[in-house]
């Protein structure tokens, strides 16, 4: 049972994500489920490593859980916030750079690898904080700050890929 705890925590992220679709964005329940999703994302890998239970299945489950959480957040949050066109262009450019990086790594290594650099983690954390800040920080400033971080992280990825370095 001990070796499955991390996977159970990861799977719970999916279970916590789905109710977010039906809970009002500004409610306490939304924030509780949202924070539970973030907490499970932060601790599942650490627990798996500490217990010696790291597995390919766990890594894939984590990717699926991240995708479900991200998709639910997009569906729930994006329609409710206004992002200027220039920021959408910036977001698309960063996304294209990241897709380019993933493609190059796939060509080099013949497998899909996500680069887990410190800058990517900082960007992800800033992105996670975005819905929590919507009521007291102007969205344009928050999104622009995240875009700056994401751009720097994407450029760092370009350097890692060019040098053939893996940061997992």
C-alpha atoms as a PDB file:
ATOM      1  CA  UNK A   1       0.000   0.000   0.000  1.00  0.00           C
ATOM      2  CA  UNK A   2       2.852   2.337   0.867  1.00  0.00           C
ATOM      3  CA  UNK A   3       4.147   2.352  -2.701  1.00  0.00           C
ATOM      4  CA  UNK A   4       0.777   3.567  -4.041  1.00  0.00           C
ATOM      5  CA  UNK A   5       0.345   6.606  -1.787  1.00  0.00           C
ATOM      6  CA  UNK A   6       1.959   9.035  -4.244  1.00  0.00           C
ATOM      7  CA  UNK A   7      -0.228   7.742  -7.098  1.00  0.00           C
ATOM      8  CA  UNK A   8      -3.335   8.052  -4.924  1.00  0.00           C
ATOM      9  CA  UNK A   9      -2.387  11.659  -4.156  1.00  0.00           C
ATOM     10  CA  UNK A  10      -1.805  12.320  -7.861  1.00  0.00           C
ATOM     11  CA  UNK A  11      -5.136  10.726  -8.784  1.00  0.00           C
ATOM     12  CA  UNK A  12      -6.901  12.846  -6.185  1.00  0.00           C
ATOM     13  CA  UNK A  13      -5.864  15.914  -8.202  1.00  0.00           C
ATOM     14  CA  UNK A  14      -8.241  14.734 -10.923  1.00  0.00           C
ATOM     15  CA  UNK A  15     -10.966  14.176  -8.318  1.00  0.00           C
ATOM     16  CA  UNK A  16     -10.406  17.674  -6.886  1.00  0.00           C
ATOM     17  CA  UNK A  17     -10.251  19.283 -10.354  1.00  0.00           C
ATOM     18  CA  UNK A  18     -13.598  18.161 -11.717  1.00  0.00           C
ATOM     19  CA  UNK A  19     -15.815  19.862  -9.091  1.00  0.00           C
ATOM     20  CA  UNK A  20     -14.130  23.166  -9.963  1.00  0.00           C
ATOM     21  CA  UNK A  21     -16.222  23.191 -13.143  1.00  0.00           C
ATOM     22  CA  UNK A  22     -19.423  23.470 -11.098  1.00  0.00           C
ATOM     23  CA  UNK A  23     -18.354  25.691  -8.200  1.00  0.00           C
ATOM     24  CA  UNK A  24     -18.537  29.512  -8.510  1.00  0.00           C
ATOM     25  CA  UNK A  25     -15.076  31.016  -9.027  1.00  0.00           C
ATOM     26  CA  UNK A  26     -15.247  33.420  -6.098  1.00  0.00           C
ATOM     27  CA  UNK A  27     -16.557  30.896  -3.570  1.00  0.00           C
ATOM     28  CA  UNK A  28     -14.616  29.474  -0.648  1.00  0.00           C
ATOM     29  CA  UNK A  29     -15.199  25.935  -2.008  1.00  0.00           C
ATOM     30  CA  UNK A  30     -13.543  26.881  -5.307  1.00  0.00           C
ATOM     31  CA  UNK A  31     -10.447  28.095  -3.482  1.00  0.00           C
ATOM     32  CA  UNK A  32     -10.387  25.017  -1.228  1.00  0.00           C
ATOM     33  CA  UNK A  33     -10.510  22.583  -4.164  1.00  0.00           C
ATOM     34  CA  UNK A  34      -8.099  24.721  -6.181  1.00  0.00           C
ATOM     35  CA  UNK A  35      -5.571  24.776  -3.331  1.00  0.00           C
ATOM     36  CA  UNK A  36      -5.978  21.017  -2.806  1.00  0.00           C
ATOM     37  CA  UNK A  37      -5.106  20.522  -6.485  1.00  0.00           C
ATOM     38  CA  UNK A  38      -1.997  22.659  -6.046  1.00  0.00           C
ATOM     39  CA  UNK A  39      -1.009  20.862  -2.857  1.00  0.00           C
ATOM     40  CA  UNK A  40      -1.307  17.422  -4.467  1.00  0.00           C
ATOM     41  CA  UNK A  41       0.823  18.638  -7.367  1.00  0.00           C
ATOM     42  CA  UNK A  42       3.520  19.855  -5.000  1.00  0.00           C
ATOM     43  CA  UNK A  43       3.721  16.787  -2.759  1.00  0.00           C
ATOM     44  CA  UNK A  44       3.088  13.737  -4.952  1.00  0.00           C
ATOM     45  CA  UNK A  45       6.522  13.646  -6.567  1.00  0.00           C
ATOM     46  CA  UNK A  46       8.347  14.359  -3.312  1.00  0.00           C
ATOM     47  CA  UNK A  47       6.467  11.563  -1.569  1.00  0.00           C
ATOM     48  CA  UNK A  48       7.152   9.156  -4.435  1.00  0.00           C
ATOM     49  CA  UNK A  49      10.884   9.941  -4.283  1.00  0.00           C
ATOM     50  CA  UNK A  50      11.023   9.713  -0.484  1.00  0.00           C
ATOM     51  CA  UNK A  51       9.240   6.351  -0.439  1.00  0.00           C
ATOM     52  CA  UNK A  52      11.200   4.950  -3.376  1.00  0.00           C
ATOM     53  CA  UNK A  53       7.965   4.610  -5.328  1.00  0.00           C
ATOM     54  CA  UNK A  54       8.858   6.597  -8.455  1.00  0.00           C
ATOM     55  CA  UNK A  55       7.416   4.859 -11.515  1.00  0.00           C
ATOM     56  CA  UNK A  56       6.700   5.439 -15.183  1.00  0.00           C
ATOM     57  CA  UNK A  57       3.006   4.968 -14.405  1.00  0.00           C
ATOM     58  CA  UNK A  58       3.198   7.647 -11.693  1.00  0.00           C
ATOM     59  CA  UNK A  59       4.910  10.068 -14.063  1.00  0.00           C
ATOM     60  CA  UNK A  60       2.230   9.500 -16.709  1.00  0.00           C
ATOM     61  CA  UNK A  61      -0.545   9.789 -14.133  1.00  0.00           C
ATOM     62  CA  UNK A  62       0.986  13.089 -12.981  1.00  0.00           C
ATOM     63  CA  UNK A  63       0.950  14.380 -16.566  1.00  0.00           C
ATOM     64  CA  UNK A  64      -2.700  13.353 -16.971  1.00  0.00           C
ATOM     65  CA  UNK A  65      -3.655  14.939 -13.633  1.00  0.00           C
ATOM     66  CA  UNK A  66      -1.823  18.150 -14.577  1.00  0.00           C
ATOM     67  CA  UNK A  67      -3.597  18.219 -17.939  1.00  0.00           C
ATOM     68  CA  UNK A  68      -7.048  17.697 -16.358  1.00  0.00           C
ATOM     69  CA  UNK A  69      -6.399  20.429 -13.787  1.00  0.00           C
ATOM     70  CA  UNK A  70      -5.062  22.816 -16.432  1.00  0.00           C
ATOM     71  CA  UNK A  71      -7.969  22.101 -18.799  1.00  0.00           C
ATOM     72  CA  UNK A  72     -10.558  22.639 -16.053  1.00  0.00           C
ATOM     73  CA  UNK A  73      -8.890  25.923 -15.097  1.00  0.00           C
ATOM     74  CA  UNK A  74      -8.870  27.111 -18.708  1.00  0.00           C
ATOM     75  CA  UNK A  75     -12.536  26.249 -19.151  1.00  0.00           C
ATOM     76  CA  UNK A  76     -13.508  27.856 -15.851  1.00  0.00           C
ATOM     77  CA  UNK A  77     -11.267  30.918 -15.646  1.00  0.00           C
ATOM     78  CA  UNK A  78     -10.409  32.123 -19.168  1.00  0.00           C
ATOM     79  CA  UNK A  79     -13.976  33.109 -20.104  1.00  0.00           C
ATOM     80  CA  UNK A  80     -14.188  35.271 -16.984  1.00  0.00           C
ATOM     81  CA  UNK A  81     -11.042  37.345 -17.417  1.00  0.00           C
ATOM     82  CA  UNK A  82     -10.098  39.949 -19.974  1.00  0.00           C
ATOM     83  CA  UNK A  83      -6.653  39.598 -21.507  1.00  0.00           C
ATOM     84  CA  UNK A  84      -5.589  42.216 -24.097  1.00  0.00           C
ATOM     85  CA  UNK A  85      -4.750  41.020 -27.608  1.00  0.00           C
ATOM     86  CA  UNK A  86      -1.067  41.911 -27.248  1.00  0.00           C
ATOM     87  CA  UNK A  87      -0.822  39.535 -24.268  1.00  0.00           C
ATOM     88  CA  UNK A  88      -2.542  36.755 -26.223  1.00  0.00           C
ATOM     89  CA  UNK A  89       0.082  37.222 -28.948  1.00  0.00           C
ATOM     90  CA  UNK A  90       2.828  37.015 -26.323  1.00  0.00           C
ATOM     91  CA  UNK A  91       1.276  33.865 -24.814  1.00  0.00           C
ATOM     92  CA  UNK A  92       1.104  32.250 -28.275  1.00  0.00           C
ATOM     93  CA  UNK A  93       4.744  33.131 -29.029  1.00  0.00           C
ATOM     94  CA  UNK A  94       5.897  31.591 -25.718  1.00  0.00           C
ATOM     95  CA  UNK A  95       3.763  28.509 -26.390  1.00  0.00           C
ATOM     96  CA  UNK A  96       5.330  28.151 -29.854  1.00  0.00           C
ATOM     97  CA  UNK A  97       8.834  28.400 -28.357  1.00  0.00           C
ATOM     98  CA  UNK A  98       7.951  25.686 -25.828  1.00  0.00           C
ATOM     99  CA  UNK A  99       6.472  23.474 -28.569  1.00  0.00           C
ATOM    100  CA  UNK A 100       9.651  24.022 -30.597  1.00  0.00           C
ATOM    101  CA  UNK A 101      11.742  22.971 -27.576  1.00  0.00           C
ATOM    102  CA  UNK A 102       9.655  19.852 -26.978  1.00  0.00           C
ATOM    103  CA  UNK A 103       9.907  18.961 -30.666  1.00  0.00           C
ATOM    104  CA  UNK A 104      13.699  19.364 -30.704  1.00  0.00           C
ATOM    105  CA  UNK A 105      14.098  17.246 -27.579  1.00  0.00           C
ATOM    106  CA  UNK A 106      11.856  14.602 -29.147  1.00  0.00           C
ATOM    107  CA  UNK A 107      14.001  14.595 -32.290  1.00  0.00           C
ATOM    108  CA  UNK A 108      17.180  14.345 -30.181  1.00  0.00           C
ATOM    109  CA  UNK A 109      16.044  11.771 -27.602  1.00  0.00           C
ATOM    110  CA  UNK A 110      13.175   9.996 -29.416  1.00  0.00           C
ATOM    111  CA  UNK A 111      10.912  10.568 -26.401  1.00  0.00           C
ATOM    112  CA  UNK A 112       8.763  13.331 -24.969  1.00  0.00           C
ATOM    113  CA  UNK A 113      10.577  15.046 -22.140  1.00  0.00           C
ATOM    114  CA  UNK A 114       9.335  17.998 -20.155  1.00  0.00           C
ATOM    115  CA  UNK A 115      12.076  20.263 -18.848  1.00  0.00           C
ATOM    116  CA  UNK A 116      11.586  20.902 -15.125  1.00  0.00           C
ATOM    117  CA  UNK A 117      13.935  23.833 -14.600  1.00  0.00           C
ATOM    118  CA  UNK A 118      13.716  26.138 -11.605  1.00  0.00           C
ATOM    119  CA  UNK A 119      12.460  28.913 -13.894  1.00  0.00           C
ATOM    120  CA  UNK A 120       9.715  26.652 -15.241  1.00  0.00           C
ATOM    121  CA  UNK A 121       8.682  25.826 -11.678  1.00  0.00           C
ATOM    122  CA  UNK A 122       8.621  29.516 -10.716  1.00  0.00           C
ATOM    123  CA  UNK A 123       6.531  30.274 -13.810  1.00  0.00           C
ATOM    124  CA  UNK A 124       4.154  27.434 -12.982  1.00  0.00           C
ATOM    125  CA  UNK A 125       3.783  28.702  -9.424  1.00  0.00           C
ATOM    126  CA  UNK A 126       3.060  32.236 -10.662  1.00  0.00           C
ATOM    127  CA  UNK A 127       0.479  30.805 -13.058  1.00  0.00           C
ATOM    128  CA  UNK A 128      -1.048  28.826 -10.191  1.00  0.00           C
ATOM    129  CA  UNK A 129      -1.366  32.049  -8.163  1.00  0.00           C
ATOM    130  CA  UNK A 130      -3.200  33.880 -10.984  1.00  0.00           C
ATOM    131  CA  UNK A 131      -6.756  32.761 -10.101  1.00  0.00           C
ATOM    132  CA  UNK A 132      -6.067  33.503  -6.446  1.00  0.00           C
ATOM    133  CA  UNK A 133      -5.103  37.094  -7.310  1.00  0.00           C
ATOM    134  CA  UNK A 134      -7.974  37.953  -9.669  1.00  0.00           C
ATOM    135  CA  UNK A 135      -9.942  39.903  -7.086  1.00  0.00           C
ATOM    136  CA  UNK A 136      -7.150  42.237  -6.008  1.00  0.00           C
ATOM    137  CA  UNK A 137      -4.561  42.495  -8.829  1.00  0.00           C
ATOM    138  CA  UNK A 138      -5.230  43.871 -12.304  1.00  0.00           C
ATOM    139  CA  UNK A 139      -5.271  40.858 -14.648  1.00  0.00           C
ATOM    140  CA  UNK A 140      -3.134  42.563 -17.297  1.00  0.00           C
ATOM    141  CA  UNK A 141      -0.294  43.087 -14.806  1.00  0.00           C
ATOM    142  CA  UNK A 142      -0.500  39.540 -13.481  1.00  0.00           C
ATOM    143  CA  UNK A 143      -0.554  37.960 -16.940  1.00  0.00           C
ATOM    144  CA  UNK A 144       2.251  40.218 -18.200  1.00  0.00           C
ATOM    145  CA  UNK A 145       4.407  39.223 -15.210  1.00  0.00           C
ATOM    146  CA  UNK A 146       3.745  35.555 -15.923  1.00  0.00           C
ATOM    147  CA  UNK A 147       4.610  36.140 -19.594  1.00  0.00           C
ATOM    148  CA  UNK A 148       7.954  37.681 -18.616  1.00  0.00           C
ATOM    149  CA  UNK A 149       8.735  34.653 -16.440  1.00  0.00           C
ATOM    150  CA  UNK A 150       7.539  32.219 -19.123  1.00  0.00           C
ATOM    151  CA  UNK A 151       9.626  33.953 -21.797  1.00  0.00           C
ATOM    152  CA  UNK A 152      12.785  33.754 -19.680  1.00  0.00           C
ATOM    153  CA  UNK A 153      12.052  30.093 -18.851  1.00  0.00           C
ATOM    154  CA  UNK A 154      11.422  29.269 -22.535  1.00  0.00           C
ATOM    155  CA  UNK A 155      14.686  30.950 -23.561  1.00  0.00           C
ATOM    156  CA  UNK A 156      16.514  28.998 -20.861  1.00  0.00           C
ATOM    157  CA  UNK A 157      14.961  25.831 -22.312  1.00  0.00           C
ATOM    158  CA  UNK A 158      16.341  26.804 -25.733  1.00  0.00           C
ATOM    159  CA  UNK A 159      19.814  26.951 -24.165  1.00  0.00           C
ATOM    160  CA  UNK A 160      19.342  23.559 -22.455  1.00  0.00           C
ATOM    161  CA  UNK A 161      18.120  21.982 -25.683  1.00  0.00           C
ATOM    162  CA  UNK A 162      20.941  23.524 -27.729  1.00  0.00           C
ATOM    163  CA  UNK A 163      23.502  22.123 -25.279  1.00  0.00           C
ATOM    164  CA  UNK A 164      21.719  18.753 -25.091  1.00  0.00           C
ATOM    165  CA  UNK A 165      21.195  19.157 -21.345  1.00  0.00           C
ATOM    166  CA  UNK A 166      18.327  17.478 -19.527  1.00  0.00           C
ATOM    167  CA  UNK A 167      16.773  19.153 -16.514  1.00  0.00           C
ATOM    168  CA  UNK A 168      14.153  16.809 -15.127  1.00  0.00           C
END
